[in-house]
Structure formats: C-alpha cells, structure tokens
Amino acid sequence: MERMTAGEIVEAVGGVLLAGNPETVIENICIDSREAGEGSLFVPIIGEKVDAHKFIAQVLDQGASAVLMSHGDVTDSDKVHIQVKDTVKALGDLGACYRRKFHVPIVGITGSVGKTSTKEMISAALETGFNIMKTAGNQNSQIGVPLTLFRMDSDKELAVVEMGISEFGEMENLVRFVEPDVAVVTNIGEAHIAQFGKKENTLKEKLKIAMNFGENQRVFLNGDDPLLRQAAADMKCPVTLFGTDLSCDYRAENIHIEDGKNCFTLVYPEGREDVVIQQLGLHNILNALVAIAIAKHFGIEPAVAKKGLKAYEGLPMRQQINHLAQGIKVIDDSYNASPASVKSGIDGLMQLDNPGRKIAVLADILELGDISEQCHYDTGVEVAKEKLQVVVTVGQEMKFLAKAIIDSGAGIAVCSFDSNDEAIEWLLNNISAGDAILVKGSRGMHEEEVVKALREKFSVK
C-alpha cells in the first residue's frame, strides 16, 4: 500500500488518538499479529473463539507502529493507539478511504459460486493489456475486501475485486468500500441459502453490486442463469449477457475437447473468434466468455485477450487435473462445494478422455441449513443423469445424494462412507488403470486428504 499517516487514519475511521504521534507513517495494514512489523497498523478482530486485542502488546513489542482498538488500555505510550467502536467497521471505513485515493476502474465480481475462478480468468485476460491488482486468494468478505484494497498503488491501471456475501446488508458495505465501475454476477445458486432463505432473495442481494450504477457503468450477467437473464430487463444500467443462450451478447458455440483442453467459438457483436482454455467444464467456458467481454469493454480485442486465457493454468484445488501412474487421472476440486459446483465438477469429469471408469468422490455440502437434505437429494437426481460408473460419498448429508442415485435406477454403483479414511481405503483397493476420479466437497470436509492419498499411492515413479 501507499503511505498514510496515523492522523489520516484517525480521520478516516472516526476514531480517537489515545497515544502516539499523528505524523507516524503507516505502510502496511494487517489483521494477523505475525505480519505486524515496523510501519504496520495492526487491526485486532474479535472472532468467535479469539479476541485479537490480546495480541496488541505483543505486536507493539515486535515493532508494529500502530494499533486500532475497541477496548483495553494503552500499552506503549510511544506507539499510536487509535480507539474505535468496532474494529471491523473501522477496517472497512479505512479501506473505503484508501480506495478513493485512486482513480482506477474496479471490476467487482459476485455470485453464488465461481467468484475466484472468474476473478482469475478476468485478470488473465486483462493482464494482456494492463497492469492490474486483483484479490489475493478469496479475500472477498467484510474483512478481506478492505485488505485487498490496501494492495492498490499508483502503478495499477485496473483492479479486479471479489465481493462475497453471506448475510443481508453485506453487499451495501462492500459497494461502499469498492465503488466498482463494472460488475459481474456469475450465477444465483443455493450457496448461503440458509441465510437468504430462497434464490430470489439471493438474487436481490447480489444485484446490489450495481446498486449505484448509471449509464456510464455496466453489469455483466450470466445469460444461462434464468434468474439473471430475467433480471437483465429491469436493470437501470447497461447490461452485457454472456453464456450459451442465443440471447447472450458473448456466446459460446461449437464447444468441444481437443488434447484435453476446452475449445469453443466465441460469437460476439463484432465477429467470431476460436478460443482454447486449459480448464474443463462449461462453467469455465462461461468464465472465459465474461473475461473476454470485460477485456473488450476496456479496449482489449478478443484475439489478444484469448492468449491470456490460453496461458492461464488454474488454481490449486479447483478442478486441477493430476495425471498419475497407470493412466489414472484425478480432478482435485476439493476447495469447496455447492449443488451447482458439484454439477460443474461432474461436467468436467465427463469431459475427460480416459479408457477406464468415471468415479465421483463427493463429500457433504455444508451451510445449506434446513434444505440440506432436499438439496443433496436434488443434486443426486442431476448426478444420476450422467454416465458415471461409480459414486463414492463421504458424510451424513451425502447419503441423501446416494439415495437419489439409487432411487433413479441409473445403474451407477454407490458406496457411502462416514469418513475420508474409509473412503480412501475403498478407493486404494478398487481403483483400476485408466480410471478418472473427481474429488469434491465443502472446505470443512477436507477432501484434499483423499487427493493426497491418491497421489501418494499412484505417484509416477
């Protein structure tokens, strides 16, 4: 980040300077006590289990220059102590203030699933023409978004920022922090449905990303999502649709696989362009479409933007293909899961060219609340439509998905386990040469353990 003084920070957060020199220069803002050093402002977050205020004395001893605090006493009168009512709110206020220092267009990305992969592909396309800043990892929350904004500096020409919400009212805050000029909504699904209650509520909250948009701003919507396609007609700002539906402004045709890569023909208002990406699955084609559309919005022609997409290799634990011994392929999609992303993962598995069986290892989808049983069963109904040979489930909720597959009479072998260890034991004893295996589950299910075991067992010597 670029320098700010303690006095500027006090004004930005509406705080009170309890101790220290207001001319103290701050060059780094952090919430992790291990990252706090000279020139740092430490922002202690009160979590469910730990109140980070207890680390204030420690971070000052190790060289931090300043701290925010909502309670407690001054521990070093030579260091800056700024009192605020709420450190999370103050962090957001400071992020909003810092963002306004830069007259840089920001692309804001939201949606139920796929925000991080969409962000990465948009960034890959934009990097063919601009020096950009993008969200690190998936720092897309009330805390993560301000931390992302602090990474901006005067060298950046564009920024790409994820904006994730899980509760009513959060998007208004993120919009206040980011002030996006362009917005993307990837899809409307069941993620966080326990909090929002129904998809229509999710739609309303996600679309608030463009709540302040006028004629000079633009929102990009997934035209294959029925709710978003319907919402497009009511938007008060210019809209670009992307997808495979004929109504889409940026459309994919002739979708096929060549040499293990996704290939399609882009049809857009000015012409056509053949595109190749390394990532499998229809959802990644949609990501590529919106990436090219946004690049074009900023003046990068599709023929140039597609080169950045072709070179993009993907993120760890997000549909990464592992080529193991005996021709075994493992798709590591263990980072997270939702009903929609499970379907996307299966889509990617079915696209693989392998001589053996297609096996899906699926662990519980968390955070579905009272509709978890029905969502898992409905997802199983969709999975049963694919020509899989085996489905291995892990966890109690996935037993409803297993039941749906069995009820369908599709002839897919189903094996259900309570733990990763049990699933791993079955897999190691039953996988054959040429098999392709998808591994997917919510973050809390730790399906990376399954991937690790398969890599170790079938490592290429």
Protein backbone atom coordinates (compact mmCIF):
# COMPACT_ATOMS: atom_id res chain seq x y z
CA MET A 1 0.00 0.00 0.00
CA GLU A 2 0.98 3.64 -0.30
CA ARG A 3 1.79 5.58 2.82
CA MET A 4 -0.79 7.08 5.15
CA THR A 5 -0.24 8.99 8.38
CA ALA A 6 -1.81 7.99 11.66
CA GLY A 7 -3.70 11.29 11.60
CA GLU A 8 -5.25 10.44 8.22
CA ILE A 9 -6.30 7.07 9.59
CA VAL A 10 -7.89 8.61 12.70
CA GLU A 11 -9.97 10.87 10.45
CA ALA A 12 -10.92 8.04 8.07
CA VAL A 13 -12.20 5.75 10.82
CA GLY A 14 -13.75 8.45 13.02
CA GLY A 15 -11.51 7.32 15.85
CA VAL A 16 -9.74 8.90 18.82
CA LEU A 17 -5.96 9.09 19.04
CA LEU A 18 -5.18 7.82 22.55
CA ALA A 19 -1.39 7.80 22.22
CA GLY A 20 1.43 8.29 19.73
CA ASN A 21 2.37 10.80 17.04
CA PRO A 22 -0.29 11.58 14.40
CA GLU A 23 2.54 12.02 11.85
CA THR A 24 3.56 8.37 12.25
CA VAL A 25 3.75 6.80 8.79
CA ILE A 26 1.82 3.61 8.10
CA GLU A 27 2.88 1.42 5.17
CA ASN A 28 1.07 -1.83 5.94
CA ILE A 29 -2.27 -2.79 7.49
CA CYS A 30 -2.72 -6.29 8.85
CA ILE A 31 -5.04 -8.41 10.98
CA ASP A 32 -2.50 -11.20 11.56
CA SER A 33 -0.24 -10.46 14.52
CA ARG A 34 2.56 -12.45 12.85
CA GLU A 35 2.64 -9.97 9.96
CA ALA A 36 2.87 -6.85 12.13
CA GLY A 37 6.24 -5.10 11.97
CA GLU A 38 7.71 -1.64 11.59
CA GLY A 39 5.33 0.65 9.70
CA SER A 40 2.36 -1.64 10.36
CA LEU A 41 -1.07 -0.84 11.70
CA PHE A 42 -2.49 -3.88 13.48
CA VAL A 43 -6.28 -4.26 13.42
CA PRO A 44 -7.43 -6.76 16.07
CA ILE A 45 -10.54 -8.70 15.05
CA ILE A 46 -12.89 -10.14 17.66
CA GLY A 47 -13.62 -13.65 16.43
CA GLU A 48 -15.88 -16.42 17.69
CA LYS A 49 -13.04 -18.03 19.63
CA VAL A 50 -10.29 -15.41 19.92
CA ASP A 51 -10.29 -11.69 20.61
CA ALA A 52 -7.12 -10.47 18.87
CA HIS A 53 -6.93 -7.47 21.21
CA LYS A 54 -4.92 -9.77 23.46
CA PHE A 55 -2.07 -9.60 20.90
CA ILE A 56 -1.75 -5.79 20.96
CA ALA A 57 1.12 -5.66 23.45
CA GLN A 58 2.91 -8.43 21.55
CA VAL A 59 2.70 -6.73 18.13
CA LEU A 60 3.89 -3.43 19.55
CA ASP A 61 6.84 -5.19 21.19
CA GLN A 62 7.78 -6.77 17.87
CA GLY A 63 7.86 -3.39 16.15
CA ALA A 64 4.36 -2.53 14.94
CA SER A 65 3.84 1.24 14.69
CA ALA A 66 0.14 1.48 15.46
CA VAL A 67 -2.98 -0.37 16.56
CA LEU A 68 -6.72 0.07 16.35
CA MET A 69 -8.62 -0.96 19.46
CA SER A 70 -12.23 -1.07 20.61
CA HIS A 71 -11.37 -1.78 24.24
CA GLY A 72 -8.40 -2.09 26.59
CA ASP A 73 -5.66 0.24 27.76
CA VAL A 74 -2.67 1.90 26.11
CA THR A 75 0.27 -0.48 26.45
CA ASP A 76 3.04 1.68 24.93
CA SER A 77 2.55 5.45 25.06
CA ASP A 78 5.18 5.96 22.32
CA LYS A 79 3.15 3.96 19.80
CA VAL A 80 -0.04 5.01 18.05
CA HIS A 81 -3.24 3.73 19.68
CA ILE A 82 -6.50 4.61 17.88
CA GLN A 83 -9.75 3.91 19.66
CA VAL A 84 -12.81 2.94 17.59
CA LYS A 85 -16.21 1.46 18.42
CA ASP A 86 -15.85 -1.54 16.10
CA THR A 87 -12.55 -2.65 14.54
CA VAL A 88 -14.21 -4.47 11.62
CA LYS A 89 -16.26 -1.41 10.70
CA ALA A 90 -13.17 0.78 11.09
CA LEU A 91 -11.22 -1.53 8.78
CA GLY A 92 -13.93 -1.13 6.15
CA ASP A 93 -14.08 2.64 6.59
CA LEU A 94 -10.31 2.81 6.16
CA GLY A 95 -10.48 0.62 3.05
CA ALA A 96 -13.12 2.90 1.54
CA CYS A 97 -11.00 5.96 2.27
CA TYR A 98 -7.90 4.35 0.78
CA ARG A 99 -9.76 3.26 -2.37
CA ARG A 100 -10.79 6.87 -3.04
CA LYS A 101 -7.14 7.85 -3.34
CA PHE A 102 -7.02 6.09 -6.71
CA HIS A 103 -8.95 6.95 -9.87
CA VAL A 104 -8.68 3.38 -11.09
CA PRO A 105 -11.57 1.40 -12.62
CA ILE A 106 -12.53 -1.60 -10.50
CA VAL A 107 -14.27 -4.74 -11.72
CA GLY A 108 -16.39 -6.16 -8.89
CA ILE A 109 -17.32 -9.85 -9.00
CA THR A 110 -20.06 -11.60 -7.07
CA GLY A 111 -22.25 -14.69 -7.43
CA SER A 112 -23.16 -17.86 -5.58
CA VAL A 113 -20.23 -19.92 -6.86
CA GLY A 114 -17.20 -19.47 -9.08
CA LYS A 115 -16.14 -15.99 -7.99
CA THR A 116 -12.48 -16.85 -7.50
CA SER A 117 -12.00 -18.74 -10.77
CA THR A 118 -13.91 -15.99 -12.61
CA LYS A 119 -11.68 -13.36 -11.00
CA GLU A 120 -8.58 -15.23 -12.09
CA MET A 121 -9.71 -15.61 -15.69
CA ILE A 122 -10.81 -11.98 -15.97
CA SER A 123 -7.41 -10.99 -14.59
CA ALA A 124 -5.62 -13.25 -17.08
CA ALA A 125 -7.44 -11.54 -19.95
CA LEU A 126 -6.91 -8.00 -18.63
CA GLU A 127 -3.22 -8.61 -17.95
CA THR A 128 -2.66 -8.81 -21.71
CA GLY A 129 -3.14 -5.03 -21.79
CA PHE A 130 -2.96 -3.58 -18.28
CA ASN A 131 -1.03 -3.62 -15.02
CA ILE A 132 -3.73 -4.85 -12.64
CA MET A 133 -4.36 -5.54 -8.97
CA LYS A 134 -6.56 -8.49 -8.07
CA THR A 135 -7.96 -10.07 -4.94
CA ALA A 136 -5.42 -12.41 -3.35
CA GLY A 137 -6.90 -15.88 -2.91
CA ASN A 138 -10.54 -15.46 -1.95
CA GLN A 139 -10.33 -12.43 0.35
CA ASN A 140 -13.85 -11.36 -0.54
CA SER A 141 -15.51 -10.66 2.82
CA GLN A 142 -16.17 -7.63 5.01
CA ILE A 143 -12.60 -8.11 6.25
CA GLY A 144 -10.97 -9.47 3.10
CA VAL A 145 -12.17 -6.75 0.72
CA PRO A 146 -10.56 -3.86 2.65
CA LEU A 147 -7.33 -5.85 2.89
CA THR A 148 -7.49 -6.29 -0.89
CA LEU A 149 -7.97 -2.57 -1.44
CA PHE A 150 -4.87 -1.80 0.63
CA ARG A 151 -2.86 -3.61 -2.06
CA MET A 152 -3.62 -0.90 -4.60
CA ASP A 153 -0.91 1.56 -5.57
CA SER A 154 -0.32 4.28 -8.17
CA ASP A 155 1.23 1.81 -10.65
CA LYS A 156 -2.02 -0.12 -11.12
CA GLU A 157 -4.27 0.67 -14.08
CA LEU A 158 -7.18 -1.64 -13.24
CA ALA A 159 -8.36 -3.71 -10.28
CA VAL A 160 -10.39 -6.92 -10.08
CA VAL A 161 -12.08 -7.47 -6.73
CA GLU A 162 -14.18 -10.37 -5.42
CA MET A 163 -17.20 -9.37 -3.37
CA GLY A 164 -18.69 -12.26 -1.41
CA ILE A 165 -21.72 -12.04 0.86
CA SER A 166 -23.48 -14.46 3.17
CA GLU A 167 -25.94 -12.18 5.01
CA PHE A 168 -28.46 -9.48 4.22
CA GLY A 169 -26.97 -5.99 4.05
CA GLU A 170 -23.37 -7.03 3.41
CA MET A 171 -23.30 -6.02 -0.25
CA GLU A 172 -24.13 -2.40 0.58
CA ASN A 173 -20.99 -2.29 2.72
CA LEU A 174 -18.80 -3.89 0.06
CA VAL A 175 -20.09 -1.49 -2.58
CA ARG A 176 -19.24 1.42 -0.27
CA PHE A 177 -15.70 0.06 0.11
CA VAL A 178 -15.05 -0.83 -3.53
CA GLU A 179 -17.16 1.59 -5.57
CA PRO A 180 -16.97 -0.71 -8.62
CA ASP A 181 -17.21 0.69 -12.14
CA VAL A 182 -18.00 -2.67 -13.74
CA ALA A 183 -19.82 -5.58 -12.10
CA VAL A 184 -20.07 -9.32 -12.80
CA VAL A 185 -22.66 -11.71 -11.37
CA THR A 186 -21.63 -15.30 -12.08
CA ASN A 187 -24.83 -17.13 -11.07
CA ILE A 188 -27.56 -17.44 -8.46
CA GLY A 189 -27.49 -20.74 -6.60
CA GLU A 190 -28.03 -22.39 -3.24
CA ALA A 191 -24.83 -21.16 -1.57
CA HIS A 192 -25.74 -19.49 1.76
CA ILE A 193 -29.37 -20.36 1.14
CA ALA A 194 -29.72 -20.99 4.89
CA GLN A 195 -29.13 -17.28 5.43
CA PHE A 196 -31.04 -15.89 2.44
CA GLY A 197 -33.99 -18.29 2.53
CA LYS A 198 -34.62 -18.54 -1.21
CA LYS A 199 -32.88 -17.84 -4.52
CA GLU A 200 -34.95 -14.72 -5.18
CA ASN A 201 -33.51 -13.16 -2.01
CA THR A 202 -30.01 -14.17 -3.07
CA LEU A 203 -30.62 -12.53 -6.46
CA LYS A 204 -31.78 -9.29 -4.87
CA GLU A 205 -28.75 -9.10 -2.58
CA LYS A 206 -26.20 -9.99 -5.28
CA LEU A 207 -27.59 -7.44 -7.73
CA LYS A 208 -26.93 -4.71 -5.19
CA ILE A 209 -23.35 -4.81 -6.52
CA ALA A 210 -24.73 -2.48 -9.24
CA MET A 211 -27.00 -0.51 -6.89
CA ASN A 212 -25.32 2.82 -7.71
CA PHE A 213 -24.73 2.18 -11.41
CA GLY A 214 -25.79 4.63 -14.08
CA GLU A 215 -25.47 4.90 -17.84
CA ASN A 216 -21.67 5.10 -17.70
CA GLN A 217 -21.29 1.79 -15.87
CA ARG A 218 -22.02 -1.74 -16.98
CA VAL A 219 -23.01 -5.05 -15.39
CA PHE A 220 -22.15 -8.44 -16.92
CA LEU A 221 -24.68 -11.19 -16.17
CA ASN A 222 -24.67 -14.93 -16.83
CA GLY A 223 -27.33 -15.27 -19.50
CA ASP A 224 -27.60 -19.02 -18.93
CA ASP A 225 -28.93 -18.38 -15.41
CA PRO A 226 -32.73 -17.94 -15.73
CA LEU A 227 -32.97 -15.55 -12.78
CA LEU A 228 -30.18 -13.32 -14.04
CA ARG A 229 -31.46 -13.35 -17.63
CA GLN A 230 -34.87 -12.27 -16.37
CA ALA A 231 -33.34 -9.60 -14.11
CA ALA A 232 -31.39 -8.09 -17.00
CA ALA A 233 -34.52 -6.45 -18.41
CA ASP A 234 -35.07 -4.49 -15.20
CA MET A 235 -31.53 -3.19 -14.72
CA LYS A 236 -31.11 0.61 -14.74
CA CYS A 237 -27.66 0.44 -16.30
CA PRO A 238 -26.21 -1.12 -19.49
CA VAL A 239 -26.11 -4.94 -19.37
CA THR A 240 -23.98 -7.48 -21.23
CA LEU A 241 -25.10 -11.12 -21.18
CA PHE A 242 -22.64 -13.98 -21.55
CA GLY A 243 -23.35 -17.70 -21.96
CA THR A 244 -24.59 -20.24 -24.49
CA ASP A 245 -28.17 -18.98 -24.75
CA LEU A 246 -29.00 -17.29 -28.05
CA SER A 247 -29.88 -14.09 -26.18
CA CYS A 248 -26.29 -13.65 -24.97
CA ASP A 249 -24.09 -10.86 -26.33
CA TYR A 250 -20.98 -13.00 -25.85
CA ARG A 251 -21.88 -16.57 -26.74
CA ALA A 252 -20.01 -19.88 -26.95
CA GLU A 253 -20.70 -22.23 -29.86
CA ASN A 254 -19.05 -25.42 -31.14
CA ILE A 255 -17.90 -26.46 -27.65
CA HIS A 256 -15.58 -29.46 -27.76
CA ILE A 257 -12.44 -31.00 -26.26
CA GLU A 258 -9.09 -31.15 -28.08
CA ASP A 259 -5.91 -32.51 -26.46
CA GLY A 260 -7.56 -32.33 -23.04
CA LYS A 261 -8.46 -28.62 -23.44
CA ASN A 262 -11.79 -26.83 -23.71
CA CYS A 263 -12.33 -25.31 -27.15
CA PHE A 264 -15.18 -23.15 -28.41
CA THR A 265 -16.09 -20.46 -30.89
CA LEU A 266 -16.82 -17.06 -29.39
CA VAL A 267 -19.66 -15.20 -31.10
CA TYR A 268 -19.80 -11.52 -30.15
CA PRO A 269 -21.26 -8.34 -31.69
CA GLU A 270 -18.20 -7.62 -33.84
CA GLY A 271 -17.45 -11.13 -35.05
CA ARG A 272 -16.22 -14.61 -34.13
CA GLU A 273 -13.06 -15.97 -32.51
CA ASP A 274 -11.84 -19.51 -31.77
CA VAL A 275 -10.81 -19.84 -28.11
CA VAL A 276 -8.85 -22.51 -26.19
CA ILE A 277 -8.64 -22.76 -22.39
CA GLN A 278 -6.94 -25.35 -20.21
CA GLN A 279 -9.83 -25.70 -17.75
CA LEU A 280 -12.60 -28.23 -18.30
CA GLY A 281 -16.30 -27.75 -17.62
CA LEU A 282 -18.98 -25.48 -19.05
CA HIS A 283 -18.64 -23.09 -16.11
CA ASN A 284 -15.06 -22.34 -17.16
CA ILE A 285 -16.24 -21.54 -20.68
CA LEU A 286 -18.64 -19.05 -19.10
CA ASN A 287 -15.72 -17.62 -17.12
CA ALA A 288 -13.75 -17.23 -20.34
CA LEU A 289 -16.68 -15.52 -22.06
CA VAL A 290 -17.07 -12.86 -19.38
CA ALA A 291 -13.29 -12.41 -19.21
CA ILE A 292 -13.16 -11.66 -22.94
CA ALA A 293 -16.24 -9.44 -22.71
CA ILE A 294 -14.72 -7.33 -19.92
CA ALA A 295 -11.38 -7.14 -21.71
CA LYS A 296 -13.23 -5.85 -24.79
CA HIS A 297 -15.04 -3.32 -22.60
CA PHE A 298 -11.63 -1.92 -21.65
CA GLY A 299 -10.34 -1.95 -25.23
CA ILE A 300 -8.56 -5.31 -25.48
CA GLU A 301 -9.64 -7.23 -28.57
CA PRO A 302 -10.74 -10.88 -28.12
CA ALA A 303 -7.85 -12.06 -30.34
CA VAL A 304 -5.46 -10.64 -27.72
CA ALA A 305 -7.43 -11.46 -24.55
CA LYS A 306 -7.76 -15.13 -25.52
CA LYS A 307 -3.96 -15.51 -25.39
CA GLY A 308 -4.01 -14.69 -21.69
CA LEU A 309 -6.76 -17.24 -21.12
CA LYS A 310 -4.94 -19.97 -23.01
CA ALA A 311 -1.86 -19.47 -20.82
CA TYR A 312 -3.83 -19.49 -17.55
CA GLU A 313 -3.23 -22.76 -15.66
CA GLY A 314 -5.82 -22.54 -12.89
CA LEU A 315 -5.79 -22.50 -9.09
CA PRO A 316 -4.87 -25.26 -6.62
CA MET A 317 -7.75 -27.50 -5.52
CA ARG A 318 -10.07 -26.07 -8.17
CA GLN A 319 -10.51 -28.65 -10.91
CA GLN A 320 -6.78 -29.29 -11.19
CA ILE A 321 -6.10 -32.44 -13.19
CA ASN A 322 -3.46 -34.79 -11.77
CA HIS A 323 -2.01 -37.30 -14.22
CA LEU A 324 -0.94 -40.29 -12.13
CA ALA A 325 0.56 -43.70 -12.79
CA GLN A 326 -1.33 -46.35 -14.78
CA GLY A 327 -3.14 -43.64 -16.73
CA ILE A 328 -5.20 -42.66 -13.68
CA LYS A 329 -6.49 -39.07 -13.66
CA VAL A 330 -7.65 -37.24 -10.55
CA ILE A 331 -9.54 -33.95 -10.71
CA ASP A 332 -8.75 -32.10 -7.49
CA ASP A 333 -11.83 -29.92 -6.93
CA SER A 334 -11.62 -30.16 -3.16
CA TYR A 335 -11.54 -26.46 -2.30
CA ASN A 336 -15.29 -26.11 -1.76
CA ALA A 337 -18.70 -27.28 -2.95
CA SER A 338 -22.27 -26.21 -3.62
CA PRO A 339 -25.05 -28.01 -5.52
CA ALA A 340 -24.21 -26.01 -8.65
CA SER A 341 -20.47 -26.59 -8.42
CA VAL A 342 -20.95 -30.32 -7.88
CA LYS A 343 -22.80 -30.41 -11.19
CA SER A 344 -20.00 -28.40 -12.79
CA GLY A 345 -17.41 -30.77 -11.37
CA ILE A 346 -19.24 -33.77 -12.80
CA ASP A 347 -19.40 -31.96 -16.13
CA GLY A 348 -15.61 -31.60 -16.09
CA LEU A 349 -15.16 -35.27 -15.18
CA MET A 350 -17.37 -36.39 -18.05
CA GLN A 351 -15.26 -34.35 -20.48
CA LEU A 352 -12.10 -36.31 -19.66
CA ASP A 353 -10.89 -38.76 -22.29
CA ASN A 354 -9.89 -41.88 -20.34
CA PRO A 355 -10.25 -45.60 -21.09
CA GLY A 356 -11.42 -46.57 -17.60
CA ARG A 357 -14.32 -45.67 -15.34
CA LYS A 358 -15.63 -42.27 -14.32
CA ILE A 359 -15.70 -42.12 -10.49
CA ALA A 360 -17.02 -39.20 -8.43
CA VAL A 361 -15.97 -38.83 -4.80
CA LEU A 362 -18.44 -36.39 -3.25
CA ALA A 363 -18.43 -35.14 0.35
CA ASP A 364 -21.06 -33.16 2.24
CA ILE A 365 -22.13 -29.73 1.00
CA LEU A 366 -22.25 -27.59 4.13
CA GLU A 367 -24.19 -24.41 5.06
CA LEU A 368 -27.47 -25.47 3.43
CA GLY A 369 -29.50 -25.26 6.64
CA ASP A 370 -32.98 -26.76 6.72
CA ILE A 371 -32.98 -27.53 2.99
CA SER A 372 -29.76 -29.56 3.11
CA GLU A 373 -31.48 -32.94 2.78
CA GLN A 374 -33.55 -31.81 -0.21
CA CYS A 375 -30.61 -30.06 -1.90
CA HIS A 376 -28.42 -33.15 -1.60
CA TYR A 377 -31.22 -35.36 -2.93
CA ASP A 378 -31.93 -33.00 -5.85
CA THR A 379 -28.23 -32.85 -6.68
CA GLY A 380 -28.21 -36.65 -6.70
CA VAL A 381 -31.06 -36.63 -9.21
CA GLU A 382 -28.90 -34.50 -11.53
CA VAL A 383 -25.77 -36.60 -10.98
CA ALA A 384 -27.74 -39.75 -11.83
CA LYS A 385 -28.34 -38.38 -15.34
CA GLU A 386 -24.61 -38.66 -16.14
CA LYS A 387 -22.91 -41.78 -17.40
CA LEU A 388 -20.82 -42.35 -14.29
CA GLN A 389 -19.81 -45.80 -13.22
CA VAL A 390 -19.22 -45.16 -9.50
CA VAL A 391 -20.17 -42.51 -6.94
CA VAL A 392 -18.41 -42.55 -3.57
CA THR A 393 -20.00 -40.36 -0.90
CA VAL A 394 -18.49 -39.09 2.35
CA GLY A 395 -20.55 -37.73 5.23
CA GLN A 396 -24.09 -37.89 6.55
CA GLU A 397 -25.69 -35.36 4.19
CA MET A 398 -24.30 -37.05 1.08
CA LYS A 399 -26.30 -40.15 1.96
CA PHE A 400 -29.33 -38.31 0.59
CA LEU A 401 -27.50 -37.80 -2.71
CA ALA A 402 -26.63 -41.50 -2.69
CA LYS A 403 -30.30 -42.38 -2.10
CA ALA A 404 -31.37 -40.25 -5.06
CA ILE A 405 -28.94 -42.07 -7.35
CA ILE A 406 -30.15 -45.46 -6.13
CA ASP A 407 -33.81 -44.40 -6.46
CA SER A 408 -33.16 -43.29 -10.04
CA GLY A 409 -32.32 -46.81 -11.18
CA ALA A 410 -29.48 -45.39 -13.29
CA GLY A 411 -27.24 -48.38 -12.59
CA ILE A 412 -24.47 -46.29 -11.03
CA ALA A 413 -22.61 -48.14 -8.27
CA VAL A 414 -22.83 -46.18 -5.00
CA CYS A 415 -20.55 -46.54 -1.97
CA SER A 416 -21.24 -44.40 1.10
CA PHE A 417 -18.79 -43.74 3.93
CA ASP A 418 -18.77 -41.70 7.12
CA SER A 419 -15.17 -40.53 6.89
CA ASN A 420 -12.37 -39.75 4.47
CA ASP A 421 -10.30 -42.59 5.91
CA GLU A 422 -12.98 -45.14 4.99
CA ALA A 423 -13.37 -43.69 1.51
CA ILE A 424 -9.60 -43.67 0.97
CA GLU A 425 -9.31 -47.32 1.98
CA TRP A 426 -12.02 -48.29 -0.53
CA LEU A 427 -10.50 -46.19 -3.32
CA LEU A 428 -6.98 -47.50 -2.88
CA ASN A 429 -8.28 -51.06 -3.10
CA ASN A 430 -10.65 -50.55 -6.01
CA ILE A 431 -9.22 -48.01 -8.45
CA SER A 432 -8.03 -49.52 -11.70
CA ALA A 433 -5.74 -48.38 -14.50
CA GLY A 434 -7.29 -45.72 -16.71
CA ASP A 435 -9.89 -44.58 -14.17
CA ALA A 436 -10.74 -40.88 -13.82
CA ILE A 437 -11.74 -39.63 -10.37
CA LEU A 438 -13.35 -36.35 -9.34
CA VAL A 439 -12.81 -35.36 -5.69
CA LYS A 440 -15.13 -32.64 -4.38
CA GLY A 441 -16.63 -31.44 -1.09
CA SER A 442 -17.09 -28.44 1.15
CA ARG A 443 -13.96 -26.95 2.70
CA GLY A 444 -14.89 -28.30 6.11
CA MET A 445 -14.83 -31.89 4.78
CA HIS A 446 -11.08 -31.75 3.97
CA GLU A 447 -11.29 -33.73 0.73
CA GLU A 448 -7.70 -32.74 -0.04
CA GLU A 449 -6.88 -35.72 2.21
CA VAL A 450 -8.37 -38.02 -0.44
CA VAL A 451 -6.40 -36.35 -3.22
CA LYS A 452 -3.17 -36.62 -1.23
CA ALA A 453 -3.70 -40.33 -0.61
CA LEU A 454 -4.35 -41.00 -4.30
CA ARG A 455 -1.27 -39.04 -5.34
CA GLU A 456 0.91 -40.97 -2.92
CA LYS A 457 -0.48 -44.37 -3.90
CA PHE A 458 -0.34 -43.79 -7.66
CA SER A 459 2.61 -41.42 -7.94
CA VAL A 460 4.56 -41.56 -11.19
CA LYS A 461 7.88 -43.27 -10.46
